[in-house]
Amino acid sequence: MWPEQHNTQELLDSAQAGSDRAVNELLEKHRDALRNMVRLRLDRQIARRVDASDVVQDVMLEAASRLRDYLQDPRIPFHLWLRQLAKDRMIDLHRRHHAQRRSVDREQPLALTGLPDRSSLDLAAQLADGELTPAAATIRKELEQRFLDAIDQLDENDREIVIMRHVEHLSNSEVATALELSPAAAGMRHFRALQRLRTLLAEPPSQSG
């Protein structure tokens, strides 16, 4: 989901040398990944009034104005820095749109406004012990929905780490940095989240009516 860091570093070096073109290219190459990250976490009520692209544009403007400060002290990878700016922007949005105080100091859960990509579906199939077969489109659709429902039942910590690892495709070390955990703690949280997700997917689908 996020651009390769080798090319990003080359652009960062050029930006630090004063290239405006490198700054523009650097931000543009991260736009789609940032939009997906925001879209997954916007509260449904807010998403009806605020488009993810507008949030991303605000983040891009802020990143451009603060890039020099980042380049002077790049403590975390650039995409994680952008991600943090977006997270802070969404926290502000939730504070403005909700009168009562909620868990806005943590990352928002999956809004379920978009379907998971192929890698997430592959994870769903693995967790469901191969239930999904390539030829069974109806089963694929059913499992896809079960996967989303199962993620929605996870607690916030478990849900967030599954999204980060299997939708955003962040590495364990990147997750550890973003969540301010040790790599070992991040790996254990991910392992336990997958165990819980496997348990939920193994449960018989609820019968309505």
N, C-alpha and C. Protein backbone atom coordinates (compact mmCIF):
# COMPACT_ATOMS: atom_id res chain seq x y z
N MET A 1 0.83 -1.21 0.00
CA MET A 1 0.00 0.00 0.00
C MET A 1 0.87 1.26 0.00
N TRP A 2 1.91 1.28 0.83
CA TRP A 2 2.78 2.45 0.89
C TRP A 2 3.92 2.31 -0.11
N PRO A 3 4.38 3.43 -0.68
CA PRO A 3 5.46 3.37 -1.68
C PRO A 3 6.74 2.78 -1.11
N GLU A 4 7.58 2.25 -2.01
CA GLU A 4 8.86 1.69 -1.59
C GLU A 4 9.74 2.79 -1.00
N GLN A 5 10.42 2.44 0.08
CA GLN A 5 11.17 3.45 0.81
C GLN A 5 12.48 3.85 0.13
N HIS A 6 13.01 2.98 -0.74
CA HIS A 6 14.26 3.33 -1.42
C HIS A 6 14.07 4.57 -2.29
N ASN A 7 13.02 4.57 -3.11
CA ASN A 7 12.73 5.73 -3.95
C ASN A 7 12.35 6.95 -3.11
N THR A 8 11.65 6.69 -2.02
CA THR A 8 11.27 7.79 -1.13
C THR A 8 12.50 8.50 -0.58
N GLN A 9 13.50 7.73 -0.20
CA GLN A 9 14.70 8.33 0.37
C GLN A 9 15.42 9.20 -0.65
N GLU A 10 15.43 8.77 -1.90
CA GLU A 10 16.06 9.58 -2.95
C GLU A 10 15.34 10.93 -3.08
N LEU A 11 14.02 10.90 -3.02
CA LEU A 11 13.26 12.14 -3.10
C LEU A 11 13.47 13.02 -1.87
N LEU A 12 13.58 12.38 -0.71
CA LEU A 12 13.85 13.14 0.51
C LEU A 12 15.20 13.84 0.43
N ASP A 13 16.18 13.14 -0.11
CA ASP A 13 17.51 13.75 -0.27
C ASP A 13 17.45 14.95 -1.21
N SER A 14 16.70 14.80 -2.30
CA SER A 14 16.56 15.91 -3.25
C SER A 14 15.79 17.07 -2.64
N ALA A 15 14.75 16.74 -1.87
CA ALA A 15 13.98 17.79 -1.20
C ALA A 15 14.85 18.55 -0.21
N GLN A 16 15.69 17.82 0.49
CA GLN A 16 16.57 18.47 1.46
C GLN A 16 17.58 19.38 0.76
N ALA A 17 17.91 19.02 -0.49
CA ALA A 17 18.84 19.85 -1.28
C ALA A 17 18.15 21.06 -1.89
N GLY A 18 16.82 21.16 -1.69
CA GLY A 18 16.11 22.35 -2.15
C GLY A 18 15.25 22.17 -3.38
N SER A 19 14.99 20.93 -3.80
CA SER A 19 14.21 20.68 -5.01
C SER A 19 12.71 20.72 -4.71
N ASP A 20 12.02 21.74 -5.23
CA ASP A 20 10.57 21.81 -5.08
C ASP A 20 9.89 20.68 -5.84
N ARG A 21 10.45 20.31 -6.97
CA ARG A 21 9.89 19.22 -7.76
C ARG A 21 9.92 17.91 -6.96
N ALA A 22 11.00 17.68 -6.23
CA ALA A 22 11.10 16.47 -5.42
C ALA A 22 10.05 16.47 -4.31
N VAL A 23 9.80 17.63 -3.72
CA VAL A 23 8.78 17.74 -2.67
C VAL A 23 7.42 17.37 -3.23
N ASN A 24 7.07 17.94 -4.39
CA ASN A 24 5.78 17.65 -5.00
C ASN A 24 5.64 16.17 -5.35
N GLU A 25 6.70 15.60 -5.92
CA GLU A 25 6.66 14.19 -6.30
C GLU A 25 6.57 13.30 -5.06
N LEU A 26 7.28 13.67 -4.03
CA LEU A 26 7.27 12.92 -2.77
C LEU A 26 5.87 12.84 -2.19
N LEU A 27 5.18 13.97 -2.16
CA LEU A 27 3.84 14.00 -1.59
C LEU A 27 2.84 13.28 -2.49
N GLU A 28 2.95 13.48 -3.80
CA GLU A 28 2.00 12.86 -4.72
C GLU A 28 2.10 11.34 -4.71
N LYS A 29 3.29 10.80 -4.58
CA LYS A 29 3.44 9.35 -4.61
C LYS A 29 2.86 8.68 -3.37
N HIS A 30 2.60 9.48 -2.32
CA HIS A 30 2.00 8.94 -1.10
C HIS A 30 0.50 9.24 -1.01
N ARG A 31 -0.05 9.97 -1.98
CA ARG A 31 -1.43 10.42 -1.88
C ARG A 31 -2.43 9.27 -1.83
N ASP A 32 -2.30 8.30 -2.73
CA ASP A 32 -3.28 7.21 -2.78
C ASP A 32 -3.26 6.38 -1.50
N ALA A 33 -2.06 6.05 -1.02
CA ALA A 33 -1.96 5.26 0.20
C ALA A 33 -2.54 6.01 1.39
N LEU A 34 -2.29 7.31 1.43
CA LEU A 34 -2.82 8.12 2.51
C LEU A 34 -4.34 8.21 2.43
N ARG A 35 -4.88 8.32 1.21
CA ARG A 35 -6.33 8.38 1.04
C ARG A 35 -6.98 7.08 1.54
N ASN A 36 -6.38 5.95 1.21
CA ASN A 36 -6.93 4.67 1.67
C ASN A 36 -6.87 4.57 3.19
N MET A 37 -5.78 5.01 3.75
CA MET A 37 -5.63 4.98 5.21
C MET A 37 -6.71 5.82 5.88
N VAL A 38 -6.98 7.01 5.34
CA VAL A 38 -8.00 7.89 5.90
C VAL A 38 -9.39 7.32 5.68
N ARG A 39 -9.65 6.84 4.46
CA ARG A 39 -10.98 6.33 4.12
C ARG A 39 -11.40 5.18 5.04
N LEU A 40 -10.45 4.34 5.40
CA LEU A 40 -10.76 3.20 6.25
C LEU A 40 -11.13 3.61 7.67
N ARG A 41 -10.72 4.81 8.08
CA ARG A 41 -10.89 5.18 9.47
C ARG A 41 -11.86 6.34 9.71
N LEU A 42 -12.40 6.91 8.67
CA LEU A 42 -13.37 7.99 8.87
C LEU A 42 -14.67 7.42 9.42
N ASP A 43 -15.15 8.02 10.47
CA ASP A 43 -16.46 7.66 11.00
C ASP A 43 -17.51 7.80 9.91
N ARG A 44 -18.48 6.88 9.88
CA ARG A 44 -19.49 6.89 8.81
C ARG A 44 -20.22 8.23 8.72
N GLN A 45 -20.59 8.78 9.87
CA GLN A 45 -21.31 10.05 9.86
C GLN A 45 -20.45 11.17 9.27
N ILE A 46 -19.18 11.17 9.62
CA ILE A 46 -18.28 12.19 9.08
C ILE A 46 -18.04 11.96 7.60
N ALA A 47 -17.93 10.69 7.20
CA ALA A 47 -17.66 10.37 5.79
C ALA A 47 -18.78 10.84 4.87
N ARG A 48 -20.00 11.01 5.41
CA ARG A 48 -21.10 11.53 4.60
C ARG A 48 -20.91 13.00 4.27
N ARG A 49 -20.15 13.69 5.11
CA ARG A 49 -19.98 15.14 4.93
C ARG A 49 -18.57 15.54 4.51
N VAL A 50 -17.61 14.70 4.80
CA VAL A 50 -16.21 15.02 4.51
C VAL A 50 -15.62 13.92 3.65
N ASP A 51 -15.10 14.27 2.50
CA ASP A 51 -14.47 13.29 1.63
C ASP A 51 -13.04 13.04 2.07
N ALA A 52 -12.61 11.78 1.96
CA ALA A 52 -11.25 11.43 2.36
C ALA A 52 -10.21 12.24 1.59
N SER A 53 -10.52 12.55 0.34
CA SER A 53 -9.57 13.32 -0.48
C SER A 53 -9.35 14.72 0.09
N ASP A 54 -10.40 15.30 0.68
CA ASP A 54 -10.26 16.62 1.29
C ASP A 54 -9.36 16.56 2.52
N VAL A 55 -9.52 15.49 3.30
CA VAL A 55 -8.66 15.31 4.47
C VAL A 55 -7.21 15.16 4.03
N VAL A 56 -7.00 14.36 2.99
CA VAL A 56 -5.65 14.13 2.49
C VAL A 56 -5.03 15.43 1.98
N GLN A 57 -5.82 16.24 1.30
CA GLN A 57 -5.29 17.51 0.79
C GLN A 57 -4.82 18.40 1.94
N ASP A 58 -5.59 18.43 3.02
CA ASP A 58 -5.18 19.20 4.20
C ASP A 58 -3.87 18.66 4.77
N VAL A 59 -3.76 17.33 4.81
CA VAL A 59 -2.54 16.70 5.33
C VAL A 59 -1.35 17.04 4.43
N MET A 60 -1.57 17.02 3.12
CA MET A 60 -0.50 17.34 2.18
C MET A 60 0.00 18.77 2.38
N LEU A 61 -0.92 19.70 2.57
CA LEU A 61 -0.53 21.09 2.79
C LEU A 61 0.26 21.24 4.09
N GLU A 62 -0.20 20.54 5.12
CA GLU A 62 0.52 20.59 6.40
C GLU A 62 1.90 19.96 6.27
N ALA A 63 1.96 18.82 5.56
CA ALA A 63 3.25 18.15 5.37
C ALA A 63 4.23 19.03 4.61
N ALA A 64 3.74 19.72 3.59
CA ALA A 64 4.62 20.60 2.81
C ALA A 64 5.18 21.72 3.68
N SER A 65 4.34 22.24 4.57
CA SER A 65 4.79 23.36 5.41
C SER A 65 5.72 22.90 6.52
N ARG A 66 5.63 21.62 6.90
CA ARG A 66 6.44 21.12 8.01
C ARG A 66 7.57 20.21 7.55
N LEU A 67 7.72 20.04 6.25
CA LEU A 67 8.71 19.09 5.73
C LEU A 67 10.13 19.46 6.15
N ARG A 68 10.44 20.74 6.13
CA ARG A 68 11.80 21.16 6.50
C ARG A 68 12.13 20.73 7.93
N ASP A 69 11.17 20.88 8.84
CA ASP A 69 11.39 20.44 10.22
C ASP A 69 11.61 18.93 10.28
N TYR A 70 10.80 18.19 9.51
CA TYR A 70 10.97 16.74 9.50
C TYR A 70 12.36 16.36 8.99
N LEU A 71 12.80 16.99 7.91
CA LEU A 71 14.09 16.65 7.31
C LEU A 71 15.25 16.96 8.25
N GLN A 72 15.08 17.91 9.13
CA GLN A 72 16.13 18.23 10.09
C GLN A 72 16.25 17.17 11.18
N ASP A 73 15.15 16.45 11.42
CA ASP A 73 15.17 15.43 12.48
C ASP A 73 14.21 14.30 12.14
N PRO A 74 14.55 13.48 11.13
CA PRO A 74 13.66 12.40 10.69
C PRO A 74 13.73 11.19 11.61
N ARG A 75 13.01 11.26 12.71
CA ARG A 75 13.08 10.19 13.70
C ARG A 75 12.35 8.92 13.27
N ILE A 76 11.36 9.07 12.41
CA ILE A 76 10.61 7.92 11.93
C ILE A 76 10.55 7.98 10.41
N PRO A 77 10.27 6.86 9.74
CA PRO A 77 10.16 6.88 8.27
C PRO A 77 9.12 7.89 7.81
N PHE A 78 9.33 8.42 6.61
CA PHE A 78 8.48 9.49 6.09
C PHE A 78 7.02 9.09 6.04
N HIS A 79 6.72 7.86 5.57
CA HIS A 79 5.31 7.47 5.44
C HIS A 79 4.64 7.35 6.81
N LEU A 80 5.40 6.98 7.84
CA LEU A 80 4.82 6.92 9.18
C LEU A 80 4.59 8.33 9.73
N TRP A 81 5.45 9.26 9.34
CA TRP A 81 5.25 10.66 9.73
C TRP A 81 3.99 11.21 9.07
N LEU A 82 3.81 10.96 7.77
CA LEU A 82 2.59 11.37 7.08
C LEU A 82 1.36 10.75 7.72
N ARG A 83 1.49 9.48 8.05
CA ARG A 83 0.39 8.73 8.67
C ARG A 83 0.00 9.37 10.01
N GLN A 84 0.99 9.82 10.77
CA GLN A 84 0.71 10.47 12.04
C GLN A 84 0.00 11.81 11.84
N LEU A 85 0.42 12.55 10.83
CA LEU A 85 -0.28 13.81 10.51
C LEU A 85 -1.74 13.54 10.18
N ALA A 86 -1.99 12.48 9.40
CA ALA A 86 -3.36 12.14 9.03
C ALA A 86 -4.16 11.70 10.25
N LYS A 87 -3.53 10.92 11.11
CA LYS A 87 -4.21 10.49 12.34
C LYS A 87 -4.61 11.70 13.18
N ASP A 88 -3.69 12.65 13.34
CA ASP A 88 -4.01 13.86 14.12
C ASP A 88 -5.15 14.65 13.48
N ARG A 89 -5.15 14.71 12.15
CA ARG A 89 -6.21 15.43 11.44
C ARG A 89 -7.56 14.77 11.68
N MET A 90 -7.60 13.44 11.66
CA MET A 90 -8.86 12.73 11.89
C MET A 90 -9.34 12.87 13.32
N ILE A 91 -8.41 12.90 14.26
CA ILE A 91 -8.78 13.14 15.65
C ILE A 91 -9.47 14.50 15.78
N ASP A 92 -8.91 15.51 15.12
CA ASP A 92 -9.53 16.84 15.14
C ASP A 92 -10.93 16.81 14.53
N LEU A 93 -11.07 16.08 13.43
CA LEU A 93 -12.38 15.96 12.78
C LEU A 93 -13.40 15.35 13.72
N HIS A 94 -13.02 14.28 14.41
CA HIS A 94 -13.95 13.62 15.31
C HIS A 94 -14.30 14.51 16.50
N ARG A 95 -13.35 15.27 16.95
CA ARG A 95 -13.65 16.18 18.06
C ARG A 95 -14.62 17.26 17.65
N ARG A 96 -14.50 17.73 16.42
CA ARG A 96 -15.39 18.79 15.95
C ARG A 96 -16.79 18.28 15.64
N HIS A 97 -16.90 17.03 15.20
CA HIS A 97 -18.19 16.52 14.74
C HIS A 97 -18.97 15.76 15.82
N HIS A 98 -18.35 15.52 16.95
CA HIS A 98 -19.05 14.78 18.00
C HIS A 98 -19.02 15.60 19.29
N ALA A 99 -20.19 15.91 19.81
CA ALA A 99 -20.26 16.74 21.01
C ALA A 99 -19.71 15.98 22.21
N GLN A 100 -20.10 14.71 22.35
CA GLN A 100 -19.62 13.94 23.48
C GLN A 100 -18.22 13.42 23.19
N ARG A 101 -17.38 13.36 24.22
CA ARG A 101 -16.01 12.90 24.04
C ARG A 101 -16.01 11.39 23.90
N ARG A 102 -15.30 10.93 22.85
CA ARG A 102 -15.19 9.50 22.62
C ARG A 102 -13.71 9.14 22.60
N SER A 103 -13.42 7.95 22.11
CA SER A 103 -12.02 7.51 22.09
C SER A 103 -11.30 8.11 20.90
N VAL A 104 -11.19 9.43 20.91
CA VAL A 104 -10.58 10.11 19.77
C VAL A 104 -9.07 10.19 19.89
N ASP A 105 -8.53 9.80 21.04
CA ASP A 105 -7.08 9.84 21.19
C ASP A 105 -6.44 8.57 20.67
N ARG A 106 -7.28 7.64 20.19
CA ARG A 106 -6.76 6.42 19.59
C ARG A 106 -7.16 6.37 18.13
N GLU A 107 -6.52 5.51 17.38
CA GLU A 107 -6.85 5.41 15.96
C GLU A 107 -8.26 4.87 15.81
N GLN A 108 -8.99 5.43 14.86
CA GLN A 108 -10.38 5.05 14.67
C GLN A 108 -10.47 3.66 14.07
N PRO A 109 -11.51 2.88 14.45
CA PRO A 109 -11.66 1.54 13.90
C PRO A 109 -12.03 1.57 12.44
N LEU A 110 -11.96 0.41 11.81
CA LEU A 110 -12.30 0.27 10.41
C LEU A 110 -13.72 0.73 10.16
N ALA A 111 -13.90 1.66 9.25
CA ALA A 111 -15.22 2.22 8.99
C ALA A 111 -16.06 1.31 8.10
N LEU A 112 -15.44 0.31 7.49
CA LEU A 112 -16.12 -0.62 6.60
C LEU A 112 -16.78 0.08 5.43
N THR A 113 -16.20 1.20 5.00
CA THR A 113 -16.73 1.91 3.85
C THR A 113 -16.15 1.40 2.55
N GLY A 114 -15.12 0.56 2.63
CA GLY A 114 -14.51 -0.01 1.43
C GLY A 114 -14.19 -1.46 1.66
N LEU A 115 -14.16 -2.22 0.60
CA LEU A 115 -13.87 -3.64 0.72
C LEU A 115 -12.38 -3.86 0.85
N PRO A 116 -11.96 -4.95 1.51
CA PRO A 116 -10.54 -5.24 1.62
C PRO A 116 -9.96 -5.62 0.27
N ASP A 117 -8.64 -5.46 0.13
CA ASP A 117 -8.01 -5.82 -1.13
C ASP A 117 -7.73 -7.32 -1.16
N ARG A 118 -7.12 -7.78 -2.25
CA ARG A 118 -6.93 -9.21 -2.45
C ARG A 118 -6.11 -9.86 -1.33
N SER A 119 -5.09 -9.15 -0.84
CA SER A 119 -4.26 -9.75 0.20
C SER A 119 -5.06 -10.00 1.46
N SER A 120 -6.03 -9.12 1.77
CA SER A 120 -6.87 -9.32 2.93
C SER A 120 -7.79 -10.50 2.73
N LEU A 121 -8.29 -10.66 1.51
CA LEU A 121 -9.14 -11.81 1.22
C LEU A 121 -8.34 -13.10 1.33
N ASP A 122 -7.09 -13.08 0.89
CA ASP A 122 -6.25 -14.25 1.04
C ASP A 122 -6.06 -14.59 2.51
N LEU A 123 -5.88 -13.56 3.34
CA LEU A 123 -5.77 -13.79 4.77
C LEU A 123 -7.04 -14.41 5.31
N ALA A 124 -8.19 -13.90 4.87
CA ALA A 124 -9.47 -14.44 5.32
C ALA A 124 -9.57 -15.92 4.97
N ALA A 125 -9.16 -16.28 3.77
CA ALA A 125 -9.22 -17.67 3.35
C ALA A 125 -8.31 -18.54 4.20
N GLN A 126 -7.12 -18.06 4.48
CA GLN A 126 -6.19 -18.83 5.30
C GLN A 126 -6.74 -19.04 6.70
N LEU A 127 -7.30 -17.99 7.28
CA LEU A 127 -7.83 -18.09 8.63
C LEU A 127 -9.04 -19.00 8.70
N ALA A 128 -9.75 -19.12 7.58
CA ALA A 128 -10.94 -19.97 7.54
C ALA A 128 -10.59 -21.38 7.05
N ASP A 129 -9.31 -21.73 7.10
CA ASP A 129 -8.86 -23.08 6.76
C ASP A 129 -9.20 -23.46 5.33
N GLY A 130 -8.96 -22.56 4.40
CA GLY A 130 -9.12 -22.90 3.00
C GLY A 130 -10.56 -22.99 2.54
N GLU A 131 -11.46 -22.41 3.28
CA GLU A 131 -12.87 -22.46 2.90
C GLU A 131 -13.10 -21.84 1.52
N LEU A 132 -12.34 -20.83 1.19
CA LEU A 132 -12.53 -20.13 -0.08
C LEU A 132 -11.83 -20.87 -1.21
N THR A 133 -12.53 -21.07 -2.32
CA THR A 133 -11.93 -21.68 -3.51
C THR A 133 -11.99 -20.67 -4.64
N PRO A 134 -11.00 -20.70 -5.55
CA PRO A 134 -10.94 -19.69 -6.62
C PRO A 134 -12.20 -19.65 -7.48
N ALA A 135 -12.84 -20.80 -7.70
CA ALA A 135 -13.98 -20.84 -8.61
C ALA A 135 -15.29 -20.44 -7.96
N ALA A 136 -15.30 -20.34 -6.65
CA ALA A 136 -16.58 -20.13 -5.95
C ALA A 136 -16.76 -18.64 -5.64
N ALA A 137 -17.30 -17.92 -6.58
CA ALA A 137 -17.47 -16.47 -6.41
C ALA A 137 -18.45 -16.14 -5.29
N THR A 138 -19.50 -16.93 -5.17
CA THR A 138 -20.48 -16.64 -4.12
C THR A 138 -19.89 -16.90 -2.74
N ILE A 139 -19.08 -17.95 -2.63
CA ILE A 139 -18.42 -18.23 -1.36
C ILE A 139 -17.42 -17.13 -1.05
N ARG A 140 -16.71 -16.66 -2.09
CA ARG A 140 -15.76 -15.57 -1.88
C ARG A 140 -16.47 -14.35 -1.31
N LYS A 141 -17.63 -14.02 -1.88
CA LYS A 141 -18.36 -12.84 -1.42
C LYS A 141 -18.83 -13.03 0.02
N GLU A 142 -19.31 -14.22 0.32
CA GLU A 142 -19.79 -14.50 1.68
C GLU A 142 -18.64 -14.42 2.68
N LEU A 143 -17.51 -14.98 2.32
CA LEU A 143 -16.37 -14.96 3.22
C LEU A 143 -15.84 -13.55 3.40
N GLU A 144 -15.89 -12.78 2.32
CA GLU A 144 -15.47 -11.38 2.39
C GLU A 144 -16.28 -10.64 3.44
N GLN A 145 -17.60 -10.84 3.41
CA GLN A 145 -18.46 -10.16 4.38
C GLN A 145 -18.21 -10.68 5.79
N ARG A 146 -18.00 -11.99 5.91
CA ARG A 146 -17.71 -12.56 7.23
C ARG A 146 -16.40 -12.00 7.78
N PHE A 147 -15.44 -11.80 6.88
CA PHE A 147 -14.16 -11.24 7.30
C PHE A 147 -14.34 -9.83 7.84
N LEU A 148 -15.12 -9.02 7.13
CA LEU A 148 -15.39 -7.66 7.60
C LEU A 148 -16.15 -7.67 8.92
N ASP A 149 -17.14 -8.56 9.03
CA ASP A 149 -17.90 -8.65 10.26
C ASP A 149 -17.01 -9.07 11.43
N ALA A 150 -16.11 -10.02 11.15
CA ALA A 150 -15.21 -10.50 12.20
C ALA A 150 -14.27 -9.40 12.66
N ILE A 151 -13.72 -8.64 11.71
CA ILE A 151 -12.85 -7.53 12.08
C ILE A 151 -13.60 -6.52 12.94
N ASP A 152 -14.86 -6.29 12.60
CA ASP A 152 -15.65 -5.31 13.34
C ASP A 152 -15.91 -5.77 14.78
N GLN A 153 -15.81 -7.08 15.04
CA GLN A 153 -16.04 -7.61 16.39
C GLN A 153 -14.78 -7.59 17.25
N LEU A 154 -13.63 -7.38 16.64
CA LEU A 154 -12.39 -7.31 17.41
C LEU A 154 -12.36 -6.03 18.25
N ASP A 155 -11.61 -6.07 19.35
CA ASP A 155 -11.44 -4.82 20.09
C ASP A 155 -10.53 -3.89 19.29
N GLU A 156 -10.45 -2.65 19.72
CA GLU A 156 -9.77 -1.64 18.91
C GLU A 156 -8.31 -1.98 18.65
N ASN A 157 -7.61 -2.48 19.67
CA ASN A 157 -6.20 -2.80 19.49
C ASN A 157 -6.00 -3.91 18.47
N ASP A 158 -6.82 -4.98 18.59
CA ASP A 158 -6.71 -6.09 17.65
C ASP A 158 -7.10 -5.66 16.24
N ARG A 159 -8.18 -4.91 16.14
CA ARG A 159 -8.67 -4.46 14.83
C ARG A 159 -7.62 -3.60 14.14
N GLU A 160 -7.05 -2.68 14.89
CA GLU A 160 -6.09 -1.76 14.30
C GLU A 160 -4.85 -2.47 13.78
N ILE A 161 -4.35 -3.44 14.53
CA ILE A 161 -3.12 -4.08 14.08
C ILE A 161 -3.37 -4.99 12.88
N VAL A 162 -4.56 -5.57 12.78
CA VAL A 162 -4.90 -6.36 11.59
C VAL A 162 -4.97 -5.45 10.36
N ILE A 163 -5.58 -4.29 10.51
CA ILE A 163 -5.66 -3.34 9.40
C ILE A 163 -4.26 -2.88 8.99
N MET A 164 -3.46 -2.53 9.98
CA MET A 164 -2.12 -2.03 9.68
C MET A 164 -1.27 -3.07 8.95
N ARG A 165 -1.37 -4.33 9.41
CA ARG A 165 -0.53 -5.36 8.81
C ARG A 165 -1.07 -5.87 7.48
N HIS A 166 -2.40 -6.02 7.36
CA HIS A 166 -2.95 -6.74 6.21
C HIS A 166 -3.74 -5.87 5.23
N VAL A 167 -3.99 -4.63 5.57
CA VAL A 167 -4.61 -3.70 4.62
C VAL A 167 -3.61 -2.62 4.23
N GLU A 168 -2.95 -2.04 5.23
CA GLU A 168 -1.91 -1.05 4.93
C GLU A 168 -0.58 -1.70 4.55
N HIS A 169 -0.42 -2.98 4.87
CA HIS A 169 0.80 -3.73 4.55
C HIS A 169 2.04 -3.14 5.21
N LEU A 170 1.89 -2.69 6.44
CA LEU A 170 3.04 -2.23 7.21
C LEU A 170 3.78 -3.43 7.80
N SER A 171 5.08 -3.33 7.89
CA SER A 171 5.88 -4.40 8.49
C SER A 171 5.71 -4.37 10.00
N ASN A 172 6.17 -5.43 10.66
CA ASN A 172 6.08 -5.47 12.11
C ASN A 172 6.86 -4.33 12.75
N SER A 173 8.03 -4.03 12.21
CA SER A 173 8.83 -2.93 12.78
C SER A 173 8.15 -1.58 12.56
N GLU A 174 7.48 -1.41 11.43
CA GLU A 174 6.75 -0.16 11.17
C GLU A 174 5.57 -0.02 12.12
N VAL A 175 4.86 -1.13 12.34
CA VAL A 175 3.74 -1.11 13.29
C VAL A 175 4.25 -0.76 14.68
N ALA A 176 5.35 -1.38 15.07
CA ALA A 176 5.93 -1.11 16.38
C ALA A 176 6.26 0.38 16.54
N THR A 177 6.83 0.97 15.50
CA THR A 177 7.17 2.39 15.55
C THR A 177 5.91 3.25 15.65
N ALA A 178 4.91 2.95 14.82
CA ALA A 178 3.69 3.75 14.79
C ALA A 178 2.92 3.66 16.10
N LEU A 179 2.92 2.48 16.73
CA LEU A 179 2.16 2.29 17.97
C LEU A 179 3.01 2.48 19.22
N GLU A 180 4.29 2.80 19.01
CA GLU A 180 5.22 3.01 20.12
C GLU A 180 5.30 1.77 21.00
N LEU A 181 5.50 0.63 20.34
CA LEU A 181 5.69 -0.66 21.01
C LEU A 181 7.05 -1.21 20.63
N SER A 182 7.52 -2.18 21.40
CA SER A 182 8.70 -2.91 20.97
C SER A 182 8.29 -3.85 19.84
N PRO A 183 9.22 -4.23 18.96
CA PRO A 183 8.88 -5.18 17.89
C PRO A 183 8.29 -6.47 18.44
N ALA A 184 8.82 -6.94 19.56
CA ALA A 184 8.30 -8.18 20.16
C ALA A 184 6.85 -8.00 20.60
N ALA A 185 6.55 -6.86 21.22
CA ALA A 185 5.18 -6.61 21.68
C ALA A 185 4.23 -6.45 20.51
N ALA A 186 4.68 -5.79 19.45
CA ALA A 186 3.85 -5.64 18.25
C ALA A 186 3.58 -6.99 17.62
N GLY A 187 4.61 -7.83 17.54
CA GLY A 187 4.44 -9.16 16.97
C GLY A 187 3.48 -10.01 17.77
N MET A 188 3.56 -9.93 19.09
CA MET A 188 2.65 -10.70 19.94
C MET A 188 1.22 -10.19 19.82
N ARG A 189 1.05 -8.87 19.74
CA ARG A 189 -0.30 -8.32 19.58
C ARG A 189 -0.90 -8.78 18.26
N HIS A 190 -0.09 -8.79 17.21
CA HIS A 190 -0.56 -9.26 15.90
C HIS A 190 -0.94 -10.73 15.96
N PHE A 191 -0.11 -11.55 16.58
CA PHE A 191 -0.37 -12.98 16.70
C PHE A 191 -1.69 -13.23 17.44
N ARG A 192 -1.88 -12.54 18.54
CA ARG A 192 -3.11 -12.73 19.32
C ARG A 192 -4.34 -12.23 18.57
N ALA A 193 -4.17 -11.14 17.82
CA ALA A 193 -5.29 -10.63 17.02
C ALA A 193 -5.70 -11.63 15.96
N LEU A 194 -4.72 -12.27 15.31
CA LEU A 194 -5.04 -13.28 14.30
C LEU A 194 -5.69 -14.50 14.93
N GLN A 195 -5.27 -14.86 16.13
CA GLN A 195 -5.91 -15.98 16.82
C GLN A 195 -7.39 -15.66 17.07
N ARG A 196 -7.65 -14.46 17.54
CA ARG A 196 -9.03 -14.05 17.80
C ARG A 196 -9.84 -14.00 16.51
N LEU A 197 -9.22 -13.49 15.44
CA LEU A 197 -9.90 -13.41 14.16
C LEU A 197 -10.21 -14.81 13.63
N ARG A 198 -9.26 -15.74 13.78
CA ARG A 198 -9.50 -17.12 13.35
C ARG A 198 -10.68 -17.73 14.10
N THR A 199 -10.74 -17.46 15.41
CA THR A 199 -11.84 -17.99 16.21
C THR A 199 -13.18 -17.45 15.73
N LEU A 200 -13.23 -16.16 15.44
CA LEU A 200 -14.47 -15.54 14.97
C LEU A 200 -14.89 -16.10 13.62
N LEU A 201 -13.93 -16.32 12.73
CA LEU A 201 -14.25 -16.85 11.40
C LEU A 201 -14.66 -18.32 11.46
N ALA A 202 -14.22 -19.02 12.50
CA ALA A 202 -14.56 -20.43 12.63
C ALA A 202 -15.97 -20.63 13.17
N GLU A 203 -16.53 -19.58 13.76
CA GLU A 203 -17.89 -19.68 14.29
C GLU A 203 -18.89 -19.77 13.15
N PRO A 204 -19.94 -20.58 13.31
CA PRO A 204 -20.97 -20.68 12.25
C PRO A 204 -21.59 -19.31 12.00
N PRO A 205 -21.86 -18.97 10.74
CA PRO A 205 -22.51 -17.70 10.43
C PRO A 205 -23.85 -17.59 11.14
N SER A 206 -24.17 -16.42 11.65
CA SER A 206 -25.45 -16.22 12.33
C SER A 206 -26.58 -16.33 11.33
N GLN A 207 -27.64 -16.98 11.73
CA GLN A 207 -28.80 -17.16 10.87
C GLN A 207 -29.84 -16.12 11.20
N SER A 208 -30.21 -15.32 10.23
CA SER A 208 -31.24 -14.30 10.45
C SER A 208 -32.57 -14.80 9.95
N GLY A 209 -33.61 -14.42 10.63
CA GLY A 209 -34.95 -14.86 10.25
C GLY A 209 -35.16 -16.23 10.79
